[in-house]
Amino acid sequence: MKHPFSATVWREGNWFVSQCLGVDVASQGETEDEALTNLREALELHFELPVTTHPPVVRQNEVEVGAA
């Protein structure tokens, strides 16, 4: 599923920085196009579902509540 995102691009020294306005994700590149391509890849990775290599361990924890 594709979803549109707005981005800004500006120059910092020798690099172009691209930042997504809807999600706190940014990237950079040597050109504006490269910065936007790298931002697209960073957004895809940001929204990629995590894959576990080991099943998570669920543990119980007890806490005193209302102790005086």
PDB file of N, CA and C in Angstrom:
ATOM      1  N   MET A   1       0.849  -1.170   0.000  1.00  0.00           N
ATOM      2  CA  MET A   1       0.000   0.000   0.000  1.00  0.00           C
ATOM      3  C   MET A   1       0.896   1.234   0.000  1.00  0.00           C
ATOM      4  N   LYS A   2       0.607   2.170  -0.863  1.00  0.00           N
ATOM      5  CA  LYS A   2       1.387   3.404  -0.929  1.00  0.00           C
ATOM      6  C   LYS A   2       0.672   4.506  -0.159  1.00  0.00           C
ATOM      7  N   HIS A   3       1.454   5.360   0.468  1.00  0.00           N
ATOM      8  CA  HIS A   3       0.917   6.481   1.239  1.00  0.00           C
ATOM      9  C   HIS A   3       1.768   7.711   0.931  1.00  0.00           C
ATOM     10  N   PRO A   4       1.150   8.834   0.600  1.00  0.00           N
ATOM     11  CA  PRO A   4       1.941  10.032   0.287  1.00  0.00           C
ATOM     12  C   PRO A   4       2.460  10.722   1.552  1.00  0.00           C
ATOM     13  N   PHE A   5       3.660  11.246   1.478  1.00  0.00           N
ATOM     14  CA  PHE A   5       4.251  12.016   2.568  1.00  0.00           C
ATOM     15  C   PHE A   5       4.856  13.293   1.998  1.00  0.00           C
ATOM     16  N   SER A   6       4.726  14.382   2.727  1.00  0.00           N
ATOM     17  CA  SER A   6       5.356  15.642   2.330  1.00  0.00           C
ATOM     18  C   SER A   6       6.750  15.705   2.943  1.00  0.00           C
ATOM     19  N   ALA A   7       7.667  16.329   2.216  1.00  0.00           N
ATOM     20  CA  ALA A   7       9.043  16.413   2.698  1.00  0.00           C
ATOM     21  C   ALA A   7       9.624  17.774   2.352  1.00  0.00           C
ATOM     22  N   THR A   8      10.577  18.200   3.149  1.00  0.00           N
ATOM     23  CA  THR A   8      11.344  19.402   2.849  1.00  0.00           C
ATOM     24  C   THR A   8      12.772  18.970   2.530  1.00  0.00           C
ATOM     25  N   VAL A   9      13.447  19.761   1.709  1.00  0.00           N
ATOM     26  CA  VAL A   9      14.844  19.492   1.354  1.00  0.00           C
ATOM     27  C   VAL A   9      15.601  20.808   1.462  1.00  0.00           C
ATOM     28  N   TRP A  10      16.746  20.785   2.125  1.00  0.00           N
ATOM     29  CA  TRP A  10      17.581  21.968   2.221  1.00  0.00           C
ATOM     30  C   TRP A  10      19.045  21.543   2.174  1.00  0.00           C
ATOM     31  N   ARG A  11      19.882  22.509   1.917  1.00  0.00           N
ATOM     32  CA  ARG A  11      21.319  22.239   1.801  1.00  0.00           C
ATOM     33  C   ARG A  11      22.014  22.573   3.117  1.00  0.00           C
ATOM     34  N   GLU A  12      22.872  21.665   3.566  1.00  0.00           N
ATOM     35  CA  GLU A  12      23.732  21.879   4.736  1.00  0.00           C
ATOM     36  C   GLU A  12      25.154  21.547   4.311  1.00  0.00           C
ATOM     37  N   GLY A  13      25.942  22.571   4.054  1.00  0.00           N
ATOM     38  CA  GLY A  13      27.314  22.346   3.592  1.00  0.00           C
ATOM     39  C   GLY A  13      27.307  21.664   2.244  1.00  0.00           C
ATOM     40  N   ASN A  14      27.959  20.500   2.148  1.00  0.00           N
ATOM     41  CA  ASN A  14      28.036  19.748   0.895  1.00  0.00           C
ATOM     42  C   ASN A  14      26.877  18.771   0.718  1.00  0.00           C
ATOM     43  N   TRP A  15      25.970  18.687   1.680  1.00  0.00           N
ATOM     44  CA  TRP A  15      24.900  17.692   1.666  1.00  0.00           C
ATOM     45  C   TRP A  15      23.536  18.344   1.521  1.00  0.00           C
ATOM     46  N   PHE A  16      22.611  17.583   0.948  1.00  0.00           N
ATOM     47  CA  PHE A  16      21.204  17.952   0.950  1.00  0.00           C
ATOM     48  C   PHE A  16      20.512  17.087   2.000  1.00  0.00           C
ATOM     49  N   VAL A  17      19.703  17.706   2.839  1.00  0.00           N
ATOM     50  CA  VAL A  17      18.983  17.008   3.894  1.00  0.00           C
ATOM     51  C   VAL A  17      17.510  16.987   3.519  1.00  0.00           C
ATOM     52  N   SER A  18      16.879  15.840   3.639  1.00  0.00           N
ATOM     53  CA  SER A  18      15.441  15.721   3.397  1.00  0.00           C
ATOM     54  C   SER A  18      14.785  15.237   4.675  1.00  0.00           C
ATOM     55  N   GLN A  19      13.642  15.839   5.007  1.00  0.00           N
ATOM     56  CA  GLN A  19      12.939  15.489   6.234  1.00  0.00           C
ATOM     57  C   GLN A  19      11.461  15.337   5.932  1.00  0.00           C
ATOM     58  N   CYS A  20      10.889  14.254   6.411  1.00  0.00           N
ATOM     59  CA  CYS A  20       9.463  14.011   6.248  1.00  0.00           C
ATOM     60  C   CYS A  20       8.713  14.885   7.244  1.00  0.00           C
ATOM     61  N   LEU A  21       7.655  15.560   6.791  1.00  0.00           N
ATOM     62  CA  LEU A  21       6.923  16.462   7.665  1.00  0.00           C
ATOM     63  C   LEU A  21       5.908  15.736   8.539  1.00  0.00           C
ATOM     64  N   GLY A  22       5.420  14.570   8.110  1.00  0.00           N
ATOM     65  CA  GLY A  22       4.410  13.858   8.878  1.00  0.00           C
ATOM     66  C   GLY A  22       4.960  12.860   9.870  1.00  0.00           C
ATOM     67  N   VAL A  23       6.205  12.443   9.676  1.00  0.00           N
ATOM     68  CA  VAL A  23       6.846  11.436  10.530  1.00  0.00           C
ATOM     69  C   VAL A  23       8.250  11.944  10.821  1.00  0.00           C
ATOM     70  N   ASP A  24       8.742  11.690  12.012  1.00  0.00           N
ATOM     71  CA  ASP A  24      10.071  12.180  12.392  1.00  0.00           C
ATOM     72  C   ASP A  24      11.154  11.290  11.779  1.00  0.00           C
ATOM     73  N   VAL A  25      11.321  11.396  10.451  1.00  0.00           N
ATOM     74  CA  VAL A  25      12.328  10.632   9.719  1.00  0.00           C
ATOM     75  C   VAL A  25      13.039  11.596   8.786  1.00  0.00           C
ATOM     76  N   ALA A  26      14.362  11.490   8.714  1.00  0.00           N
ATOM     77  CA  ALA A  26      15.145  12.354   7.833  1.00  0.00           C
ATOM     78  C   ALA A  26      16.261  11.537   7.207  1.00  0.00           C
ATOM     79  N   SER A  27      16.824  12.078   6.119  1.00  0.00           N
ATOM     80  CA  SER A  27      17.949  11.447   5.454  1.00  0.00           C
ATOM     81  C   SER A  27      18.751  12.522   4.729  1.00  0.00           C
ATOM     82  N   GLN A  28      19.793  12.106   4.035  1.00  0.00           N
ATOM     83  CA  GLN A  28      20.628  13.072   3.327  1.00  0.00           C
ATOM     84  C   GLN A  28      21.192  12.439   2.070  1.00  0.00           C
ATOM     85  N   GLY A  29      21.751  13.283   1.200  1.00  0.00           N
ATOM     86  CA  GLY A  29      22.378  12.807  -0.017  1.00  0.00           C
ATOM     87  C   GLY A  29      23.214  13.913  -0.629  1.00  0.00           C
ATOM     88  N   GLU A  30      23.987  13.552  -1.630  1.00  0.00           N
ATOM     89  CA  GLU A  30      24.844  14.541  -2.284  1.00  0.00           C
ATOM     90  C   GLU A  30      24.063  15.429  -3.246  1.00  0.00           C
ATOM     91  N   THR A  31      22.864  14.992  -3.655  1.00  0.00           N
ATOM     92  CA  THR A  31      21.971  15.791  -4.497  1.00  0.00           C
ATOM     93  C   THR A  31      20.580  15.780  -3.874  1.00  0.00           C
ATOM     94  N   GLU A  32      19.704  16.679  -4.347  1.00  0.00           N
ATOM     95  CA  GLU A  32      18.327  16.679  -3.844  1.00  0.00           C
ATOM     96  C   GLU A  32      17.641  15.358  -4.158  1.00  0.00           C
ATOM     97  N   ASP A  33      17.825  14.859  -5.381  1.00  0.00           N
ATOM     98  CA  ASP A  33      17.202  13.589  -5.756  1.00  0.00           C
ATOM     99  C   ASP A  33      17.686  12.438  -4.882  1.00  0.00           C
ATOM    100  N   GLU A  34      18.988  12.406  -4.611  1.00  0.00           N
ATOM    101  CA  GLU A  34      19.535  11.341  -3.763  1.00  0.00           C
ATOM    102  C   GLU A  34      18.994  11.453  -2.345  1.00  0.00           C
ATOM    103  N   ALA A  35      18.881  12.671  -1.835  1.00  0.00           N
ATOM    104  CA  ALA A  35      18.339  12.863  -0.490  1.00  0.00           C
ATOM    105  C   ALA A  35      16.894  12.371  -0.410  1.00  0.00           C
ATOM    106  N   LEU A  36      16.095  12.662  -1.439  1.00  0.00           N
ATOM    107  CA  LEU A  36      14.699  12.204  -1.450  1.00  0.00           C
ATOM    108  C   LEU A  36      14.600  10.687  -1.626  1.00  0.00           C
ATOM    109  N   THR A  37      15.463  10.114  -2.451  1.00  0.00           N
ATOM    110  CA  THR A  37      15.488   8.657  -2.610  1.00  0.00           C
ATOM    111  C   THR A  37      15.859   7.991  -1.293  1.00  0.00           C
ATOM    112  N   ASN A  38      16.857   8.542  -0.606  1.00  0.00           N
ATOM    113  CA  ASN A  38      17.266   7.989   0.689  1.00  0.00           C
ATOM    114  C   ASN A  38      16.171   8.160   1.731  1.00  0.00           C
ATOM    115  N   LEU A  39      15.427   9.258   1.666  1.00  0.00           N
ATOM    116  CA  LEU A  39      14.307   9.467   2.590  1.00  0.00           C
ATOM    117  C   LEU A  39      13.219   8.431   2.329  1.00  0.00           C
ATOM    118  N   ARG A  40      12.930   8.164   1.069  1.00  0.00           N
ATOM    119  CA  ARG A  40      11.923   7.152   0.723  1.00  0.00           C
ATOM    120  C   ARG A  40      12.318   5.797   1.311  1.00  0.00           C
ATOM    121  N   GLU A  41      13.590   5.435   1.170  1.00  0.00           N
ATOM    122  CA  GLU A  41      14.072   4.160   1.723  1.00  0.00           C
ATOM    123  C   GLU A  41      13.977   4.160   3.253  1.00  0.00           C
ATOM    124  N   ALA A  42      14.330   5.279   3.877  1.00  0.00           N
ATOM    125  CA  ALA A  42      14.254   5.374   5.342  1.00  0.00           C
ATOM    126  C   ALA A  42      12.809   5.242   5.822  1.00  0.00           C
ATOM    127  N   LEU A  43      11.868   5.837   5.096  1.00  0.00           N
ATOM    128  CA  LEU A  43      10.453   5.711   5.467  1.00  0.00           C
ATOM    129  C   LEU A  43       9.970   4.270   5.312  1.00  0.00           C
ATOM    130  N   GLU A  44      10.389   3.604   4.236  1.00  0.00           N
ATOM    131  CA  GLU A  44      10.011   2.200   4.059  1.00  0.00           C
ATOM    132  C   GLU A  44      10.532   1.350   5.208  1.00  0.00           C
ATOM    133  N   LEU A  45      11.757   1.583   5.624  1.00  0.00           N
ATOM    134  CA  LEU A  45      12.328   0.840   6.761  1.00  0.00           C
ATOM    135  C   LEU A  45      11.618   1.193   8.062  1.00  0.00           C
ATOM    136  N   HIS A  46      11.256   2.466   8.216  1.00  0.00           N
ATOM    137  CA  HIS A  46      10.562   2.917   9.432  1.00  0.00           C
ATOM    138  C   HIS A  46       9.241   2.176   9.617  1.00  0.00           C
ATOM    139  N   PHE A  47       8.517   1.951   8.518  1.00  0.00           N
ATOM    140  CA  PHE A  47       7.204   1.323   8.598  1.00  0.00           C
ATOM    141  C   PHE A  47       7.236  -0.188   8.387  1.00  0.00           C
ATOM    142  N   GLU A  48       8.404  -0.749   8.165  1.00  0.00           N
ATOM    143  CA  GLU A  48       8.525  -2.199   7.996  1.00  0.00           C
ATOM    144  C   GLU A  48       8.233  -2.887   9.323  1.00  0.00           C
ATOM    145  N   LEU A  49       7.438  -3.951   9.262  1.00  0.00           N
ATOM    146  CA  LEU A  49       7.110  -4.685  10.483  1.00  0.00           C
ATOM    147  C   LEU A  49       8.353  -5.403  11.006  1.00  0.00           C
ATOM    148  N   PRO A  50       8.558  -5.388  12.319  1.00  0.00           N
ATOM    149  CA  PRO A  50       9.736  -6.061  12.875  1.00  0.00           C
ATOM    150  C   PRO A  50       9.626  -7.575  12.719  1.00  0.00           C
ATOM    151  N   VAL A  51      10.767  -8.196  12.524  1.00  0.00           N
ATOM    152  CA  VAL A  51      10.845  -9.650  12.420  1.00  0.00           C
ATOM    153  C   VAL A  51      11.751 -10.127  13.546  1.00  0.00           C
ATOM    154  N   THR A  52      11.217 -10.975  14.399  1.00  0.00           N
ATOM    155  CA  THR A  52      12.019 -11.463  15.513  1.00  0.00           C
ATOM    156  C   THR A  52      12.758 -12.731  15.116  1.00  0.00           C
ATOM    157  N   THR A  53      13.955 -12.847  15.612  1.00  0.00           N
ATOM    158  CA  THR A  53      14.719 -14.066  15.376  1.00  0.00           C
ATOM    159  C   THR A  53      14.537 -15.045  16.534  1.00  0.00           C
ATOM    160  N   HIS A  54      14.107 -14.530  17.680  1.00  0.00           N
ATOM    161  CA  HIS A  54      13.830 -15.360  18.846  1.00  0.00           C
ATOM    162  C   HIS A  54      12.469 -14.935  19.394  1.00  0.00           C
ATOM    163  N   PRO A  55      11.668 -15.883  19.847  1.00  0.00           N
ATOM    164  CA  PRO A  55      10.373 -15.483  20.409  1.00  0.00           C
ATOM    165  C   PRO A  55      10.591 -14.627  21.661  1.00  0.00           C
ATOM    166  N   PRO A  56       9.745 -13.621  21.876  1.00  0.00           N
ATOM    167  CA  PRO A  56       9.909 -12.774  23.051  1.00  0.00           C
ATOM    168  C   PRO A  56       9.626 -13.548  24.336  1.00  0.00           C
ATOM    169  N   VAL A  57      10.282 -13.160  25.408  1.00  0.00           N
ATOM    170  CA  VAL A  57      10.072 -13.776  26.713  1.00  0.00           C
ATOM    171  C   VAL A  57       9.149 -12.859  27.510  1.00  0.00           C
ATOM    172  N   VAL A  58       8.044 -13.412  27.975  1.00  0.00           N
ATOM    173  CA  VAL A  58       7.092 -12.636  28.772  1.00  0.00           C
ATOM    174  C   VAL A  58       7.338 -12.976  30.226  1.00  0.00           C
ATOM    175  N   ARG A  59       7.518 -11.947  31.041  1.00  0.00           N
ATOM    176  CA  ARG A  59       7.788 -12.149  32.472  1.00  0.00           C
ATOM    177  C   ARG A  59       6.754 -11.395  33.301  1.00  0.00           C
ATOM    178  N   GLN A  60       6.443 -11.909  34.454  1.00  0.00           N
ATOM    179  CA  GLN A  60       5.543 -11.241  35.390  1.00  0.00           C
ATOM    180  C   GLN A  60       6.373 -10.410  36.359  1.00  0.00           C
ATOM    181  N   ASN A  61       5.809  -9.293  36.789  1.00  0.00           N
ATOM    182  CA  ASN A  61       6.494  -8.414  37.725  1.00  0.00           C
ATOM    183  C   ASN A  61       5.487  -7.948  38.749  1.00  0.00           C
ATOM    184  N   GLU A  62       5.861  -7.930  40.019  1.00  0.00           N
ATOM    185  CA  GLU A  62       4.954  -7.466  41.075  1.00  0.00           C
ATOM    186  C   GLU A  62       5.482  -6.165  41.635  1.00  0.00           C
ATOM    187  N   VAL A  63       4.542  -5.241  41.921  1.00  0.00           N
ATOM    188  CA  VAL A  63       4.877  -3.925  42.444  1.00  0.00           C
ATOM    189  C   VAL A  63       3.934  -3.599  43.577  1.00  0.00           C
ATOM    190  N   GLU A  64       4.455  -3.048  44.674  1.00  0.00           N
ATOM    191  CA  GLU A  64       3.609  -2.589  45.787  1.00  0.00           C
ATOM    192  C   GLU A  64       2.858  -1.345  45.342  1.00  0.00           C
ATOM    193  N   VAL A  65       1.551  -1.357  45.526  1.00  0.00           N
ATOM    194  CA  VAL A  65       0.732  -0.208  45.130  1.00  0.00           C
ATOM    195  C   VAL A  65       0.033   0.309  46.367  1.00  0.00           C
ATOM    196  N   GLY A  66       0.114   1.599  46.603  1.00  0.00           N
ATOM    197  CA  GLY A  66      -0.568   2.214  47.735  1.00  0.00           C
ATOM    198  C   GLY A  66       0.084   1.902  49.074  1.00  0.00           C
ATOM    199  N   ALA A  67       1.337   1.514  49.080  1.00  0.00           N
ATOM    200  CA  ALA A  67       2.045   1.221  50.334  1.00  0.00           C
ATOM    201  C   ALA A  67       2.370   2.514  51.036  1.00  0.00           C
ATOM    202  N   ALA A  68       2.200   2.527  52.358  1.00  0.00           N
ATOM    203  CA  ALA A  68       2.484   3.741  53.114  1.00  0.00           C
ATOM    204  C   ALA A  68       3.745   3.597  53.912  1.00  0.00           C
TER     205      ALA A  68
END
